[in-house]
PDB file of N, CA and C in Angstrom:
ATOM      1  N   UNK A   1     137.701  94.665 151.961  1.00  0.00           N
ATOM      2  CA  UNK A   1     136.889  95.734 151.435  1.00  0.00           C
ATOM      3  C   UNK A   1     135.569  95.186 150.880  1.00  0.00           C
ATOM      4  N   UNK A   2     135.640  93.993 150.333  1.00  0.00           N
ATOM      5  CA  UNK A   2     134.430  93.393 149.792  1.00  0.00           C
ATOM      6  C   UNK A   2     133.454  93.040 150.904  1.00  0.00           C
ATOM      7  N   UNK A   3     133.951  92.580 152.046  1.00  0.00           N
ATOM      8  CA  UNK A   3     133.090  92.248 153.177  1.00  0.00           C
ATOM      9  C   UNK A   3     132.378  93.495 153.698  1.00  0.00           C
ATOM     10  N   UNK A   4     133.104  94.575 153.805  1.00  0.00           N
ATOM     11  CA  UNK A   4     132.492  95.832 154.246  1.00  0.00           C
ATOM     12  C   UNK A   4     131.437  96.284 153.245  1.00  0.00           C
ATOM     13  N   UNK A   5     131.682  96.092 151.975  1.00  0.00           N
ATOM     14  CA  UNK A   5     130.709  96.434 150.945  1.00  0.00           C
ATOM     15  C   UNK A   5     129.433  95.625 151.074  1.00  0.00           C
ATOM     16  N   UNK A   6     129.571  94.349 151.388  1.00  0.00           N
ATOM     17  CA  UNK A   6     128.403  93.493 151.582  1.00  0.00           C
ATOM     18  C   UNK A   6     127.598  93.964 152.786  1.00  0.00           C
ATOM     19  N   UNK A   7     128.287  94.306 153.875  1.00  0.00           N
ATOM     20  CA  UNK A   7     127.605  94.788 155.078  1.00  0.00           C
ATOM     21  C   UNK A   7     126.869  96.093 154.784  1.00  0.00           C
ATOM     22  N   UNK A   8     127.534  97.023 154.119  1.00  0.00           N
ATOM     23  CA  UNK A   8     126.895  98.295 153.769  1.00  0.00           C
ATOM     24  C   UNK A   8     125.697  98.065 152.851  1.00  0.00           C
ATOM     25  N   UNK A   9     125.818  97.153 151.905  1.00  0.00           N
ATOM     26  CA  UNK A   9     124.714  96.884 150.988  1.00  0.00           C
ATOM     27  C   UNK A   9     123.506  96.322 151.724  1.00  0.00           C
ATOM     28  N   UNK A  10     123.743  95.392 152.626  1.00  0.00           N
ATOM     29  CA  UNK A  10     122.641  94.807 153.396  1.00  0.00           C
ATOM     30  C   UNK A  10     121.978  95.865 154.265  1.00  0.00           C
ATOM     31  N   UNK A  11     122.787  96.676 154.947  1.00  0.00           N
ATOM     32  CA  UNK A  11     122.228  97.747 155.772  1.00  0.00           C
ATOM     33  C   UNK A  11     121.448  98.752 154.920  1.00  0.00           C
ATOM     34  N   UNK A  12     121.960  99.067 153.740  1.00  0.00           N
ATOM     35  CA  UNK A  12     121.278  99.997 152.851  1.00  0.00           C
ATOM     36  C   UNK A  12     119.943  99.465 152.362  1.00  0.00           C
ATOM     37  N   UNK A  13     119.903  98.186 152.016  1.00  0.00           N
ATOM     38  CA  UNK A  13     118.659  97.575 151.550  1.00  0.00           C
ATOM     39  C   UNK A  13     117.620  97.562 152.667  1.00  0.00           C
ATOM     40  N   UNK A  14     118.029  97.107 153.847  1.00  0.00           N
ATOM     41  CA  UNK A  14     117.100  97.032 154.977  1.00  0.00           C
ATOM     42  C   UNK A  14     116.604  98.428 155.357  1.00  0.00           C
ATOM     43  N   UNK A  15     117.511  99.392 155.434  1.00  0.00           N
ATOM     44  CA  UNK A  15     117.125 100.754 155.796  1.00  0.00           C
ATOM     45  C   UNK A  15     116.193 101.374 154.780  1.00  0.00           C
ATOM     46  N   UNK A  16     116.485 101.168 153.501  1.00  0.00           N
ATOM     47  CA  UNK A  16     115.629 101.721 152.454  1.00  0.00           C
ATOM     48  C   UNK A  16     114.228 101.124 152.519  1.00  0.00           C
ATOM     49  N   UNK A  17     114.143  99.825 152.735  1.00  0.00           N
ATOM     50  CA  UNK A  17     112.829  99.184 152.822  1.00  0.00           C
ATOM     51  C   UNK A  17     112.052  99.654 154.052  1.00  0.00           C
ATOM     52  N   UNK A  18     112.691  99.637 155.205  1.00  0.00           N
ATOM     53  CA  UNK A  18     111.998  99.995 156.452  1.00  0.00           C
ATOM     54  C   UNK A  18     111.555 101.452 156.433  1.00  0.00           C
ATOM     55  N   UNK A  19     112.496 102.353 156.147  1.00  0.00           N
ATOM     56  CA  UNK A  19     112.152 103.773 156.154  1.00  0.00           C
ATOM     57  C   UNK A  19     111.243 104.146 154.988  1.00  0.00           C
ATOM     58  N   UNK A  20     111.379 103.450 153.869  1.00  0.00           N
ATOM     59  CA  UNK A  20     110.504 103.704 152.727  1.00  0.00           C
ATOM     60  C   UNK A  20     109.066 103.326 153.020  1.00  0.00           C
ATOM     61  N   UNK A  21     108.866 102.183 153.672  1.00  0.00           N
ATOM     62  CA  UNK A  21     107.510 101.763 154.040  1.00  0.00           C
ATOM     63  C   UNK A  21     106.905 102.734 155.045  1.00  0.00           C
ATOM     64  N   UNK A  22     107.706 103.184 156.004  1.00  0.00           N
ATOM     65  CA  UNK A  22     107.208 104.160 156.968  1.00  0.00           C
ATOM     66  C   UNK A  22     106.821 105.467 156.277  1.00  0.00           C
ATOM     67  N   UNK A  23     107.620 105.913 155.325  1.00  0.00           N
ATOM     68  CA  UNK A  23     107.335 107.157 154.624  1.00  0.00           C
ATOM     69  C   UNK A  23     106.074 107.028 153.769  1.00  0.00           C
ATOM     70  N   UNK A  24     105.887 105.893 153.140  1.00  0.00           N
ATOM     71  CA  UNK A  24     104.698 105.684 152.320  1.00  0.00           C
ATOM     72  C   UNK A  24     103.442 105.656 153.188  1.00  0.00           C
ATOM     73  N   UNK A  25     103.551 105.082 154.377  1.00  0.00           N
ATOM     74  CA  UNK A  25     102.396 105.024 155.259  1.00  0.00           C
ATOM     75  C   UNK A  25     102.023 106.393 155.809  1.00  0.00           C
ATOM     76  N   UNK A  26     102.925 107.348 155.803  1.00  0.00           N
ATOM     77  CA  UNK A  26     102.643 108.682 156.299  1.00  0.00           C
ATOM     78  C   UNK A  26     102.134 109.610 155.202  1.00  0.00           C
ATOM     79  N   UNK A  27     101.786 109.055 154.060  1.00  0.00           N
ATOM     80  CA  UNK A  27     101.259 109.833 152.948  1.00  0.00           C
ATOM     81  C   UNK A  27      99.733 109.755 152.960  1.00  0.00           C
ATOM     82  N   UNK A  28      99.091 110.913 152.839  1.00  0.00           N
ATOM     83  CA  UNK A  28      97.634 110.968 152.793  1.00  0.00           C
ATOM     84  C   UNK A  28      97.205 111.385 151.392  1.00  0.00           C
ATOM     85  N   UNK A  29      96.099 110.819 150.930  1.00  0.00           N
ATOM     86  CA  UNK A  29      95.588 111.174 149.616  1.00  0.00           C
ATOM     87  C   UNK A  29      94.150 111.676 149.740  1.00  0.00           C
ATOM     88  N   UNK A  30      93.778 112.545 148.824  1.00  0.00           N
ATOM     89  CA  UNK A  30      92.398 112.999 148.731  1.00  0.00           C
ATOM     90  C   UNK A  30      92.078 113.242 147.270  1.00  0.00           C
ATOM     91  N   UNK A  31      90.796 113.277 146.979  1.00  0.00           N
ATOM     92  CA  UNK A  31      90.350 113.455 145.601  1.00  0.00           C
ATOM     93  C   UNK A  31      89.908 114.897 145.385  1.00  0.00           C
ATOM     94  N   UNK A  32      90.382 115.489 144.298  1.00  0.00           N
ATOM     95  CA  UNK A  32      90.051 116.866 143.953  1.00  0.00           C
ATOM     96  C   UNK A  32      89.676 116.888 142.483  1.00  0.00           C
ATOM     97  N   UNK A  33      88.396 117.085 142.196  1.00  0.00           N
ATOM     98  CA  UNK A  33      87.860 117.055 140.835  1.00  0.00           C
ATOM     99  C   UNK A  33      88.205 115.748 140.121  1.00  0.00           C
ATOM    100  N   UNK A  34      88.130 114.648 140.844  1.00  0.00           N
ATOM    101  CA  UNK A  34      88.381 113.339 140.260  1.00  0.00           C
ATOM    102  C   UNK A  34      89.846 112.954 140.161  1.00  0.00           C
ATOM    103  N   UNK A  35      90.739 113.814 140.627  1.00  0.00           N
ATOM    104  CA  UNK A  35      92.172 113.528 140.587  1.00  0.00           C
ATOM    105  C   UNK A  35      92.639 113.222 142.004  1.00  0.00           C
ATOM    106  N   UNK A  36      93.325 112.093 142.186  1.00  0.00           N
ATOM    107  CA  UNK A  36      93.866 111.759 143.505  1.00  0.00           C
ATOM    108  C   UNK A  36      95.151 112.542 143.739  1.00  0.00           C
ATOM    109  N   UNK A  37      95.190 113.267 144.842  1.00  0.00           N
ATOM    110  CA  UNK A  37      96.347 114.081 145.198  1.00  0.00           C
ATOM    111  C   UNK A  37      96.920 113.531 146.498  1.00  0.00           C
ATOM    112  N   UNK A  38      98.219 113.307 146.511  1.00  0.00           N
ATOM    113  CA  UNK A  38      98.884 112.787 147.699  1.00  0.00           C
ATOM    114  C   UNK A  38      99.712 113.850 148.383  1.00  0.00           C
ATOM    115  N   UNK A  39      99.589 113.893 149.697  1.00  0.00           N
ATOM    116  CA  UNK A  39     100.372 114.824 150.501  1.00  0.00           C
ATOM    117  C   UNK A  39     101.205 113.998 151.472  1.00  0.00           C
ATOM    118  N   UNK A  40     102.495 114.177 151.398  1.00  0.00           N
ATOM    119  CA  UNK A  40     103.407 113.413 152.242  1.00  0.00           C
ATOM    120  C   UNK A  40     103.882 114.275 153.402  1.00  0.00           C
ATOM    121  N   UNK A  41     103.732 113.742 154.611  1.00  0.00           N
ATOM    122  CA  UNK A  41     104.232 114.404 155.798  1.00  0.00           C
ATOM    123  C   UNK A  41     105.461 113.672 156.330  1.00  0.00           C
ATOM    124  N   UNK A  42     105.999 112.797 155.530  1.00  0.00           N
ATOM    125  CA  UNK A  42     107.107 111.946 155.956  1.00  0.00           C
ATOM    126  C   UNK A  42     108.438 112.687 155.873  1.00  0.00           C
ATOM    127  N   UNK A  43     109.371 112.216 156.658  1.00  0.00           N
ATOM    128  CA  UNK A  43     110.744 112.694 156.601  1.00  0.00           C
ATOM    129  C   UNK A  43     111.507 111.746 155.673  1.00  0.00           C
ATOM    130  N   UNK A  44     111.883 112.219 154.498  1.00  0.00           N
ATOM    131  CA  UNK A  44     112.522 111.370 153.493  1.00  0.00           C
ATOM    132  C   UNK A  44     114.031 111.267 153.684  1.00  0.00           C
ATOM    133  N   UNK A  45     114.593 111.986 154.629  1.00  0.00           N
ATOM    134  CA  UNK A  45     116.045 111.961 154.837  1.00  0.00           C
ATOM    135  C   UNK A  45     116.578 110.565 155.142  1.00  0.00           C
ATOM    136  N   UNK A  46     115.961 109.771 156.043  1.00  0.00           N
ATOM    137  CA  UNK A  46     116.489 108.418 156.287  1.00  0.00           C
ATOM    138  C   UNK A  46     116.468 107.526 155.046  1.00  0.00           C
ATOM    139  N   UNK A  47     115.484 107.706 154.192  1.00  0.00           N
ATOM    140  CA  UNK A  47     115.410 106.908 152.963  1.00  0.00           C
ATOM    141  C   UNK A  47     116.569 107.274 152.040  1.00  0.00           C
ATOM    142  N   UNK A  48     116.837 108.570 151.919  1.00  0.00           N
ATOM    143  CA  UNK A  48     117.923 109.036 151.055  1.00  0.00           C
ATOM    144  C   UNK A  48     119.270 108.562 151.587  1.00  0.00           C
ATOM    145  N   UNK A  49     119.479 108.658 152.906  1.00  0.00           N
ATOM    146  CA  UNK A  49     120.741 108.220 153.507  1.00  0.00           C
ATOM    147  C   UNK A  49     120.918 106.710 153.322  1.00  0.00           C
ATOM    148  N   UNK A  50     119.852 105.937 153.500  1.00  0.00           N
ATOM    149  CA  UNK A  50     119.934 104.486 153.307  1.00  0.00           C
ATOM    150  C   UNK A  50     120.271 104.139 151.863  1.00  0.00           C
ATOM    151  N   UNK A  51     119.703 104.863 150.923  1.00  0.00           N
ATOM    152  CA  UNK A  51     120.006 104.617 149.513  1.00  0.00           C
ATOM    153  C   UNK A  51     121.464 104.948 149.198  1.00  0.00           C
ATOM    154  N   UNK A  52     121.978 106.011 149.792  1.00  0.00           N
ATOM    155  CA  UNK A  52     123.393 106.371 149.599  1.00  0.00           C
ATOM    156  C   UNK A  52     124.297 105.297 150.181  1.00  0.00           C
ATOM    157  N   UNK A  53     123.947 104.765 151.354  1.00  0.00           N
ATOM    158  CA  UNK A  53     124.738 103.685 151.962  1.00  0.00           C
ATOM    159  C   UNK A  53     124.707 102.453 151.062  1.00  0.00           C
ATOM    160  N   UNK A  54     123.567 102.165 150.456  1.00  0.00           N
ATOM    161  CA  UNK A  54     123.463 101.037 149.528  1.00  0.00           C
ATOM    162  C   UNK A  54     124.392 101.224 148.336  1.00  0.00           C
ATOM    163  N   UNK A  55     124.413 102.413 147.765  1.00  0.00           N
ATOM    164  CA  UNK A  55     125.284 102.699 146.616  1.00  0.00           C
ATOM    165  C   UNK A  55     126.752 102.582 147.022  1.00  0.00           C
ATOM    166  N   UNK A  56     127.104 103.095 148.197  1.00  0.00           N
ATOM    167  CA  UNK A  56     128.490 102.987 148.686  1.00  0.00           C
ATOM    168  C   UNK A  56     128.873 101.519 148.835  1.00  0.00           C
ATOM    169  N   UNK A  57     127.959 100.705 149.358  1.00  0.00           N
ATOM    170  CA  UNK A  57     128.236  99.276 149.504  1.00  0.00           C
ATOM    171  C   UNK A  57     128.464  98.588 148.174  1.00  0.00           C
ATOM    172  N   UNK A  58     127.675  98.942 147.179  1.00  0.00           N
ATOM    173  CA  UNK A  58     127.839  98.346 145.847  1.00  0.00           C
ATOM    174  C   UNK A  58     129.178  98.755 145.242  1.00  0.00           C
ATOM    175  N   UNK A  59     129.540 100.022 145.411  1.00  0.00           N
ATOM    176  CA  UNK A  59     130.833 100.501 144.890  1.00  0.00           C
ATOM    177  C   UNK A  59     131.983  99.787 145.597  1.00  0.00           C
ATOM    178  N   UNK A  60     131.870  99.629 146.905  1.00  0.00           N
ATOM    179  CA  UNK A  60     132.935  98.946 147.656  1.00  0.00           C
ATOM    180  C   UNK A  60     133.063  97.491 147.227  1.00  0.00           C
ATOM    181  N   UNK A  61     131.935  96.842 146.951  1.00  0.00           N
ATOM    182  CA  UNK A  61     132.001  95.442 146.488  1.00  0.00           C
ATOM    183  C   UNK A  61     132.670  95.359 145.119  1.00  0.00           C
ATOM    184  N   UNK A  62     132.372  96.296 144.247  1.00  0.00           N
ATOM    185  CA  UNK A  62     132.983  96.258 142.911  1.00  0.00           C
ATOM    186  C   UNK A  62     134.484  96.520 142.984  1.00  0.00           C
ATOM    187  N   UNK A  63     134.913  97.436 143.852  1.00  0.00           N
ATOM    188  CA  UNK A  63     136.349  97.681 144.011  1.00  0.00           C
ATOM    189  C   UNK A  63     137.024  96.491 144.684  1.00  0.00           C
ATOM    190  N   UNK A  64     136.306  95.796 145.559  1.00  0.00           N
ATOM    191  CA  UNK A  64     136.858  94.610 146.198  1.00  0.00           C
ATOM    192  C   UNK A  64     137.110  93.496 145.187  1.00  0.00           C
ATOM    193  N   UNK A  65     136.236  93.353 144.220  1.00  0.00           N
ATOM    194  CA  UNK A  65     136.407  92.341 143.179  1.00  0.00           C
ATOM    195  C   UNK A  65     137.582  92.685 142.274  1.00  0.00           C
ATOM    196  N   UNK A  66     137.707  93.976 141.928  1.00  0.00           N
ATOM    197  CA  UNK A  66     138.801  94.389 141.037  1.00  0.00           C
ATOM    198  C   UNK A  66     140.149  94.187 141.697  1.00  0.00           C
ATOM    199  N   UNK A  67     140.273  94.531 142.973  1.00  0.00           N
ATOM    200  CA  UNK A  67     141.559  94.382 143.635  1.00  0.00           C
ATOM    201  C   UNK A  67     141.892  92.919 143.898  1.00  0.00           C
ATOM    202  N   UNK A  68     140.879  92.057 144.040  1.00  0.00           N
ATOM    203  CA  UNK A  68     141.135  90.642 144.259  1.00  0.00           C
ATOM    204  C   UNK A  68     141.623  89.962 142.975  1.00  0.00           C
ATOM    205  N   UNK A  69     141.182  90.448 141.823  1.00  0.00           N
ATOM    206  CA  UNK A  69     141.602  89.840 140.563  1.00  0.00           C
ATOM    207  C   UNK A  69     142.965  90.317 140.108  1.00  0.00           C
ATOM    208  N   UNK A  70     143.412  91.476 140.581  1.00  0.00           N
ATOM    209  CA  UNK A  70     144.719  92.009 140.157  1.00  0.00           C
ATOM    210  C   UNK A  70     145.832  91.427 140.939  1.00  0.00           C
TER     211      UNK A  70
END
């Protein structure tokens, strides 16, 4: 279970970074009365799913440690 948690964590980190950078690059900004306003046309769903996979991996690693010590 701990090995699967490590795999999920690595996939979650990589996915969050890759999709997060893509989403940030799809954001446009403009100035309105001296205030910078950003408009995002990105699809944030892959970033959210990657973050959830990362959390699942961390939880699986913690349960793997607990069961190994018992």
